[in-house]
């Protein structure tokens, strides 16, 4: 263990028409520093996770963090981007800076503002996370990409519509207890399972309830070295972490296996000296319900083609053997791209500290796993967190 989280902040996710990228960044930067009891002058380096891809006219954003305090001036700041895993990419860069000895205290911020963008433009922006020569004309944009993945999975392993509906229903039920979630409504299995005017087919076999939400929001973390963290009022250590980047074209991979996810989980658990069974819960990247289903298999919870067992038999419920997405996941919480990975780390840190919101807290949570994915299993980040103070 070389670094720990000692403070955090998180806005509610949703539509923030009264905010800007700048105001969201400033808000969580100030709140995270206050939560950690650290002044801006003490921060050695800053990493901002902001995908953008056309959502914001302001595309040079690293120094917007410095609007939070003049004491940031002349410190290193870098914007990090790796598609939908942008937030975790920023977190991992911060840990590496501490591990290398280049920084003792690092501020990580993740942000995105998506809802002000017209619908057709949202689809075009998100599709930039795919391999455009092959997928650039996919109907329904990135939802279409995952609709195709779901169709291929169904062809190989059979229709899993019931399992996808159970995943959606689970995550929406969990999201009710998350005050940061964009949609806090228990939709129920029958609504998620049934095609209707309010739940139409979006792409392939995926319905609206199978797709994560377009969202605005921000989250932030303060990281320190372990020696400093042990002097703070709270400390959540990076027990293990890994990043496995795969080919961008899906044609070069078996897309229903998420092999990069498997590699990242294996490396991170090896780094932590743990097995999957040692985890108290997992926050995983359910940009679409088919992604969560395949991730059950990729992380080793179920055999290939048998991921449906994990949801059908209740393994991933909050009271199951490995709760998955007790926060409601991207499905209920929302998916402001650059903020998502940072949010996962904030909410996991809360869980292992035992300070998650009432109703969301997993009983006796000690060690939490995070999987954040960019593109269609291209950028794969896994983090294992454990409270040490």
Protein backbone atom coordinates (compact mmCIF):
# COMPACT_ATOMS: atom_id res chain seq x y z
CA UNK A 1 0.00 0.00 0.00
CA UNK A 2 1.50 3.30 -1.10
CA UNK A 3 -1.43 5.74 -1.04
CA UNK A 4 -4.73 6.35 0.69
CA UNK A 5 -7.86 8.44 0.35
CA UNK A 6 -8.23 10.92 3.21
CA UNK A 7 -11.07 13.15 2.00
CA UNK A 8 -13.81 13.30 -0.59
CA UNK A 9 -16.76 15.18 -2.05
CA UNK A 10 -19.63 14.28 -4.36
CA UNK A 11 -22.42 16.35 -5.94
CA UNK A 12 -25.78 14.76 -6.64
CA UNK A 13 -25.84 13.47 -10.22
CA UNK A 14 -28.57 14.64 -12.58
CA UNK A 15 -29.45 17.77 -14.52
CA UNK A 16 -27.56 20.81 -13.21
CA UNK A 17 -28.68 23.58 -15.56
CA UNK A 18 -27.74 26.19 -12.94
CA UNK A 19 -24.12 24.95 -12.83
CA UNK A 20 -21.15 25.05 -15.18
CA UNK A 21 -18.14 22.77 -15.56
CA UNK A 22 -16.20 25.39 -13.60
CA UNK A 23 -18.67 25.70 -10.74
CA UNK A 24 -18.97 21.92 -10.37
CA UNK A 25 -15.18 21.56 -10.26
CA UNK A 26 -14.78 24.38 -7.73
CA UNK A 27 -17.51 23.03 -5.47
CA UNK A 28 -16.12 19.50 -5.08
CA UNK A 29 -12.49 20.71 -4.93
CA UNK A 30 -13.24 22.96 -1.97
CA UNK A 31 -15.44 20.38 -0.24
CA UNK A 32 -12.92 17.55 -0.61
CA UNK A 33 -10.08 19.66 0.81
CA UNK A 34 -12.31 20.72 3.70
CA UNK A 35 -13.33 17.11 4.32
CA UNK A 36 -9.66 16.08 4.49
CA UNK A 37 -8.65 19.07 6.60
CA UNK A 38 -6.03 20.03 4.04
CA UNK A 39 -5.33 23.46 2.54
CA UNK A 40 -4.85 24.03 -1.18
CA UNK A 41 -1.33 25.26 -0.43
CA UNK A 42 -0.44 21.77 0.85
CA UNK A 43 -1.48 19.98 -2.37
CA UNK A 44 1.47 18.89 -4.51
CA UNK A 45 -0.34 17.91 -7.70
CA UNK A 46 -3.80 17.91 -9.30
CA UNK A 47 -5.40 15.50 -11.78
CA UNK A 48 -8.72 16.32 -13.44
CA UNK A 49 -10.80 13.62 -15.13
CA UNK A 50 -12.86 15.23 -17.90
CA UNK A 51 -13.72 13.33 -21.08
CA UNK A 52 -15.63 16.18 -22.75
CA UNK A 53 -15.74 14.84 -26.38
CA UNK A 54 -17.77 17.92 -27.31
CA UNK A 55 -20.03 18.28 -24.27
CA UNK A 56 -18.29 21.45 -23.11
CA UNK A 57 -17.06 24.38 -25.19
CA UNK A 58 -14.31 24.83 -22.61
CA UNK A 59 -11.93 22.05 -23.57
CA UNK A 60 -8.79 23.10 -21.65
CA UNK A 61 -9.98 22.45 -18.13
CA UNK A 62 -7.16 21.30 -15.82
CA UNK A 63 -6.58 24.81 -14.45
CA UNK A 64 -10.26 25.32 -13.67
CA UNK A 65 -9.51 23.48 -10.42
CA UNK A 66 -7.40 26.51 -9.49
CA UNK A 67 -10.51 28.67 -9.45
CA UNK A 68 -11.13 27.00 -6.09
CA UNK A 69 -8.11 28.71 -4.48
CA UNK A 70 -5.33 31.05 -5.54
CA UNK A 71 -2.98 28.85 -3.50
CA UNK A 72 -3.03 26.27 -6.29
CA UNK A 73 -1.15 28.62 -8.62
CA UNK A 74 1.97 27.17 -10.25
CA UNK A 75 1.37 23.63 -8.98
CA UNK A 76 1.29 20.83 -11.60
CA UNK A 77 -2.18 20.08 -12.96
CA UNK A 78 -3.06 17.60 -15.69
CA UNK A 79 -6.30 16.68 -17.38
CA UNK A 80 -6.67 12.91 -17.85
CA UNK A 81 -8.97 11.22 -20.37
CA UNK A 82 -9.67 7.56 -21.13
CA UNK A 83 -13.29 7.45 -22.36
CA UNK A 84 -15.80 6.30 -19.74
CA UNK A 85 -12.93 5.24 -17.44
CA UNK A 86 -11.61 8.81 -17.32
CA UNK A 87 -12.31 9.21 -13.60
CA UNK A 88 -10.41 6.08 -12.60
CA UNK A 89 -7.60 7.02 -14.96
CA UNK A 90 -7.19 10.26 -13.00
CA UNK A 91 -7.27 8.39 -9.69
CA UNK A 92 -4.64 5.89 -10.82
CA UNK A 93 -2.38 8.68 -12.07
CA UNK A 94 -2.61 10.33 -8.67
CA UNK A 95 -1.62 7.11 -6.92
CA UNK A 96 1.31 6.67 -9.32
CA UNK A 97 2.54 10.20 -8.57
CA UNK A 98 2.60 9.38 -4.86
CA UNK A 99 4.17 5.97 -5.44
CA UNK A 100 6.93 7.54 -7.54
CA UNK A 101 7.71 9.99 -4.77
CA UNK A 102 6.80 13.00 -6.87
CA UNK A 103 3.92 14.04 -4.63
CA UNK A 104 2.77 13.58 -1.05
CA UNK A 105 -0.73 15.07 -1.38
CA UNK A 106 -2.77 14.88 -4.59
CA UNK A 107 -6.22 16.26 -5.43
CA UNK A 108 -8.31 14.24 -7.91
CA UNK A 109 -11.42 15.76 -9.52
CA UNK A 110 -13.83 14.15 -11.98
CA UNK A 111 -16.49 16.13 -13.83
CA UNK A 112 -18.86 16.11 -16.78
CA UNK A 113 -21.83 18.19 -17.87
CA UNK A 114 -23.85 16.37 -20.51
CA UNK A 115 -27.51 17.38 -20.23
CA UNK A 116 -27.15 20.77 -21.91
CA UNK A 117 -26.17 19.00 -25.15
CA UNK A 118 -28.96 18.19 -27.65
CA UNK A 119 -29.88 14.49 -27.84
CA UNK A 120 -28.44 13.74 -31.30
CA UNK A 121 -25.14 15.39 -30.32
CA UNK A 122 -24.97 13.32 -27.12
CA UNK A 123 -25.08 10.17 -29.23
CA UNK A 124 -22.34 11.43 -31.54
CA UNK A 125 -20.14 12.46 -28.63
CA UNK A 126 -20.45 9.10 -26.89
CA UNK A 127 -19.82 7.17 -30.09
CA UNK A 128 -16.34 8.72 -30.13
CA UNK A 129 -15.47 6.10 -27.50
CA UNK A 130 -15.81 3.40 -30.17
CA UNK A 131 -13.66 2.51 -33.19
CA UNK A 132 -15.17 4.85 -35.77
CA UNK A 133 -13.98 3.04 -38.94
CA UNK A 134 -16.09 0.05 -37.85
CA UNK A 135 -18.74 1.51 -35.52
CA UNK A 136 -19.08 5.14 -36.57
CA UNK A 137 -22.42 4.60 -38.32
CA UNK A 138 -23.99 2.39 -35.65
CA UNK A 139 -27.68 3.27 -35.23
CA UNK A 140 -28.53 4.53 -31.73
CA UNK A 141 -24.89 5.44 -31.10
CA UNK A 142 -23.10 3.79 -28.17
CA UNK A 143 -26.34 2.15 -27.07
CA UNK A 144 -26.31 0.51 -30.49
CA UNK A 145 -22.79 -0.79 -29.88
CA UNK A 146 -23.88 -2.47 -26.65
CA UNK A 147 -27.13 -3.56 -28.27
CA UNK A 148 -25.00 -5.45 -30.78
CA UNK A 149 -22.92 -6.94 -27.94
CA UNK A 150 -26.11 -8.07 -26.20
CA UNK A 151 -27.35 -9.64 -29.44
CA UNK A 152 -24.09 -11.58 -29.86
CA UNK A 153 -24.23 -12.73 -26.23
CA UNK A 154 -27.82 -13.93 -26.69
CA UNK A 155 -26.85 -15.80 -29.87
CA UNK A 156 -24.09 -17.65 -28.02
CA UNK A 157 -25.70 -18.28 -24.65
CA UNK A 158 -29.43 -17.82 -25.14
CA UNK A 159 -31.90 -15.04 -24.42
CA UNK A 160 -31.00 -13.34 -21.14
CA UNK A 161 -33.69 -10.67 -21.17
CA UNK A 162 -34.95 -11.78 -17.76
CA UNK A 163 -31.48 -11.45 -16.23
CA UNK A 164 -30.98 -7.97 -17.70
CA UNK A 165 -34.33 -6.87 -16.24
CA UNK A 166 -33.33 -8.23 -12.83
CA UNK A 167 -30.05 -6.30 -12.98
CA UNK A 168 -31.89 -3.09 -13.87
CA UNK A 169 -34.46 -3.65 -11.11
CA UNK A 170 -31.73 -4.39 -8.53
CA UNK A 171 -29.78 -1.27 -9.33
CA UNK A 172 -32.82 0.99 -9.36
CA UNK A 173 -33.91 -0.42 -6.00
CA UNK A 174 -30.42 0.19 -4.60
CA UNK A 175 -30.39 3.73 -6.00
CA UNK A 176 -33.37 4.70 -3.86
CA UNK A 177 -31.04 4.77 -0.84
CA UNK A 178 -28.31 6.81 -2.56
CA UNK A 179 -28.80 10.57 -2.04
CA UNK A 180 -26.35 11.26 -4.89
CA UNK A 181 -28.28 9.19 -7.44
CA UNK A 182 -30.04 10.79 -10.38
CA UNK A 183 -32.99 8.36 -10.33
CA UNK A 184 -34.17 7.32 -6.88
CA UNK A 185 -37.13 5.18 -7.89
CA UNK A 186 -37.69 1.45 -7.46
CA UNK A 187 -39.01 0.55 -10.91
CA UNK A 188 -39.53 -3.14 -10.16
CA UNK A 189 -38.74 -6.21 -12.24
CA UNK A 190 -41.98 -6.27 -14.25
CA UNK A 191 -41.54 -2.69 -15.49
CA UNK A 192 -37.90 -3.34 -16.44
CA UNK A 193 -38.81 -6.64 -18.15
CA UNK A 194 -41.75 -5.33 -20.19
CA UNK A 195 -41.44 -3.31 -23.37
CA UNK A 196 -43.81 -0.36 -23.13
CA UNK A 197 -44.31 3.23 -24.17
CA UNK A 198 -42.35 4.29 -21.08
CA UNK A 199 -39.75 1.56 -21.56
CA UNK A 200 -39.21 1.17 -25.30
CA UNK A 201 -36.57 -0.82 -27.12
CA UNK A 202 -33.50 1.39 -27.65
CA UNK A 203 -31.08 -0.88 -29.51
CA UNK A 204 -31.01 -4.63 -30.15
CA UNK A 205 -32.61 -6.32 -27.14
CA UNK A 206 -31.86 -3.37 -24.85
CA UNK A 207 -34.72 -1.30 -23.48
CA UNK A 208 -34.53 2.12 -21.88
CA UNK A 209 -34.16 0.54 -18.45
CA UNK A 210 -31.06 -1.28 -19.72
CA UNK A 211 -29.23 1.99 -20.42
CA UNK A 212 -27.45 4.33 -18.00
CA UNK A 213 -28.51 7.94 -17.66
CA UNK A 214 -27.14 11.07 -19.32
CA UNK A 215 -26.00 13.16 -16.40
CA UNK A 216 -24.12 16.14 -14.93
CA UNK A 217 -22.01 15.96 -11.81
CA UNK A 218 -18.64 15.99 -10.13
CA UNK A 219 -16.70 14.14 -7.44
CA UNK A 220 -13.30 14.65 -5.83
CA UNK A 221 -10.75 12.81 -3.69
CA UNK A 222 -7.73 13.84 -1.65
CA UNK A 223 -4.92 11.27 -1.75
CA UNK A 224 -1.83 11.12 0.44
CA UNK A 225 1.04 8.73 1.09
CA UNK A 226 0.36 6.14 3.80
CA UNK A 227 2.55 7.82 6.42
CA UNK A 228 0.59 11.07 6.08
CA UNK A 229 -2.75 9.24 5.88
CA UNK A 230 -2.22 7.53 9.23
CA UNK A 231 -2.11 10.97 10.86
CA UNK A 232 -5.45 12.00 9.34
CA UNK A 233 -8.95 11.54 10.77
CA UNK A 234 -9.75 8.84 8.19
CA UNK A 235 -7.79 6.81 5.67
CA UNK A 236 -8.84 4.34 2.97
CA UNK A 237 -5.87 2.58 1.41
CA UNK A 238 -5.36 1.39 -2.15
CA UNK A 239 -4.87 -2.29 -1.37
CA UNK A 240 -4.55 -3.23 -5.04
CA UNK A 241 -4.97 -1.67 -8.48
CA UNK A 242 -4.53 -2.50 -12.15
CA UNK A 243 -5.14 -1.05 -15.60
CA UNK A 244 -5.43 -3.28 -18.67
CA UNK A 245 -5.94 -1.55 -22.03
CA UNK A 246 -7.26 -3.62 -24.94
CA UNK A 247 -7.56 -3.17 -28.70
CA UNK A 248 -10.05 -0.51 -29.77
CA UNK A 249 -11.65 -2.44 -32.69
CA UNK A 250 -14.11 -5.03 -31.43
CA UNK A 251 -13.28 -7.10 -34.51
CA UNK A 252 -9.90 -7.93 -32.95
CA UNK A 253 -11.49 -9.37 -29.79
CA UNK A 254 -14.13 -11.79 -28.55
CA UNK A 255 -16.37 -8.97 -27.44
CA UNK A 256 -18.70 -11.05 -25.26
CA UNK A 257 -15.82 -12.02 -22.96
CA UNK A 258 -14.49 -8.61 -21.78
CA UNK A 259 -10.99 -10.09 -21.60
CA UNK A 260 -9.41 -6.80 -20.50
CA UNK A 261 -11.76 -6.76 -17.51
CA UNK A 262 -10.64 -10.27 -16.58
CA UNK A 263 -6.96 -9.32 -16.82
CA UNK A 264 -7.45 -6.15 -14.75
CA UNK A 265 -9.31 -8.02 -12.00
CA UNK A 266 -6.68 -10.76 -11.86
CA UNK A 267 -3.82 -8.27 -11.65
CA UNK A 268 -5.51 -6.09 -9.03
CA UNK A 269 -6.45 -9.02 -6.80
CA UNK A 270 -2.93 -10.41 -7.12
CA UNK A 271 -1.57 -6.98 -6.21
CA UNK A 272 -3.84 -6.94 -3.16
CA UNK A 273 -3.02 -10.54 -2.20
CA UNK A 274 -6.74 -11.35 -2.21
CA UNK A 275 -9.36 -13.52 -3.87
CA UNK A 276 -12.69 -12.27 -5.22
CA UNK A 277 -14.37 -13.98 -2.24
CA UNK A 278 -12.46 -11.67 0.11
CA UNK A 279 -14.34 -8.61 -1.18
CA UNK A 280 -17.33 -7.27 0.76
CA UNK A 281 -18.92 -5.74 -2.35
CA UNK A 282 -18.16 -4.42 -5.84
CA UNK A 283 -19.03 -1.22 -7.67
CA UNK A 284 -18.95 -2.16 -11.36
CA UNK A 285 -19.47 -0.33 -14.64
CA UNK A 286 -23.08 -0.97 -15.65
CA UNK A 287 -23.26 1.53 -18.51
CA UNK A 288 -25.72 -1.02 -19.91
CA UNK A 289 -27.17 -4.03 -18.09
CA UNK A 290 -25.46 -6.39 -20.54
CA UNK A 291 -22.13 -4.94 -19.36
CA UNK A 292 -22.84 -5.84 -15.73
CA UNK A 293 -23.92 -9.33 -16.77
CA UNK A 294 -20.70 -9.96 -18.71
CA UNK A 295 -18.64 -8.39 -15.91
CA UNK A 296 -19.95 -11.04 -13.48
CA UNK A 297 -18.20 -13.57 -15.70
CA UNK A 298 -15.11 -11.46 -16.39
CA UNK A 299 -14.43 -10.89 -12.68
CA UNK A 300 -14.76 -14.62 -12.00
CA UNK A 301 -18.06 -14.59 -10.11
CA UNK A 302 -19.62 -16.91 -12.70
CA UNK A 303 -18.43 -19.06 -15.59
CA UNK A 304 -18.71 -17.76 -19.19
CA UNK A 305 -22.32 -17.81 -20.27
CA UNK A 306 -23.56 -18.34 -16.69
CA UNK A 307 -23.59 -14.75 -15.44
CA UNK A 308 -27.38 -14.87 -15.22
CA UNK A 309 -27.03 -17.24 -12.24
CA UNK A 310 -25.45 -14.43 -10.21
CA UNK A 311 -28.51 -12.22 -10.52
CA UNK A 312 -31.17 -14.97 -10.75
CA UNK A 313 -29.96 -16.60 -7.51
CA UNK A 314 -29.50 -13.31 -5.65
CA UNK A 315 -25.70 -13.41 -5.33
CA UNK A 316 -25.33 -9.72 -6.26
CA UNK A 317 -28.15 -8.31 -4.15
CA UNK A 318 -27.19 -6.15 -1.15
CA UNK A 319 -27.63 -9.18 1.11
CA UNK A 320 -26.03 -11.63 -1.34
CA UNK A 321 -22.61 -13.26 -1.26
CA UNK A 322 -21.08 -10.44 -3.34
CA UNK A 323 -23.25 -7.31 -3.49
CA UNK A 324 -22.76 -5.48 -6.79
CA UNK A 325 -23.56 -1.80 -7.21
CA UNK A 326 -25.09 -1.06 -3.79
CA UNK A 327 -24.98 2.59 -4.93
CA UNK A 328 -27.42 1.85 -7.75
CA UNK A 329 -24.57 1.87 -10.24
CA UNK A 330 -24.46 4.00 -13.36
CA UNK A 331 -27.97 2.69 -14.10
CA UNK A 332 -29.60 4.63 -11.26
CA UNK A 333 -26.84 6.98 -10.12
CA UNK A 334 -26.18 8.46 -13.56
CA UNK A 335 -23.07 8.47 -15.72
CA UNK A 336 -21.40 11.90 -16.05
CA UNK A 337 -18.42 10.40 -17.86
CA UNK A 338 -15.40 12.07 -16.23
CA UNK A 339 -16.96 11.93 -12.75
CA UNK A 340 -18.02 8.28 -12.81
CA UNK A 341 -14.77 6.61 -11.80
CA UNK A 342 -14.08 9.19 -9.08
CA UNK A 343 -17.63 8.70 -7.79
CA UNK A 344 -17.06 4.94 -7.60
CA UNK A 345 -14.00 5.54 -5.42
CA UNK A 346 -15.83 8.02 -3.17
CA UNK A 347 -18.78 5.72 -2.56
CA UNK A 348 -16.56 2.68 -2.05
CA UNK A 349 -14.45 4.63 0.45
CA UNK A 350 -17.63 5.55 2.32
CA UNK A 351 -18.68 1.90 2.43
CA UNK A 352 -15.42 0.55 3.86
CA UNK A 353 -15.39 3.42 6.37
CA UNK A 354 -18.89 2.44 7.43
CA UNK A 355 -20.18 5.93 6.63
CA UNK A 356 -22.25 5.27 3.48
CA UNK A 357 -25.77 6.72 3.54
CA UNK A 358 -28.26 4.82 5.68
CA UNK A 359 -29.87 2.03 3.69
CA UNK A 360 -26.98 1.93 1.20
CA UNK A 361 -24.36 0.75 3.69
CA UNK A 362 -23.30 -2.89 3.30
CA UNK A 363 -23.14 -4.57 6.70
CA UNK A 364 -19.57 -5.11 7.95
CA UNK A 365 -18.05 -3.89 4.67
CA UNK A 366 -14.27 -4.13 4.95
CA UNK A 367 -12.83 -4.37 1.43
CA UNK A 368 -14.43 -2.99 -1.72
CA UNK A 369 -13.67 -3.61 -5.38
CA UNK A 370 -14.18 -1.14 -8.23
CA UNK A 371 -14.32 -1.81 -11.97
CA UNK A 372 -14.50 1.21 -14.29
CA UNK A 373 -14.55 0.63 -18.04
CA UNK A 374 -13.83 2.90 -21.00
CA UNK A 375 -15.40 2.08 -24.35
CA UNK A 376 -16.52 -1.48 -25.00
CA UNK A 377 -14.11 -3.12 -22.52
CA UNK A 378 -11.16 -1.20 -23.95
CA UNK A 379 -9.90 0.77 -20.92
CA UNK A 380 -10.22 -1.49 -17.88
CA UNK A 381 -9.41 -0.20 -14.38
CA UNK A 382 -9.75 -2.15 -11.15
CA UNK A 383 -9.13 -0.78 -7.66
CA UNK A 384 -9.35 -2.58 -4.30
CA UNK A 385 -9.90 -0.29 -1.29
CA UNK A 386 -9.60 -1.04 2.42
CA UNK A 387 -10.04 1.26 5.41
CA UNK A 388 -6.91 1.58 7.56
CA UNK A 389 -8.10 4.42 9.79
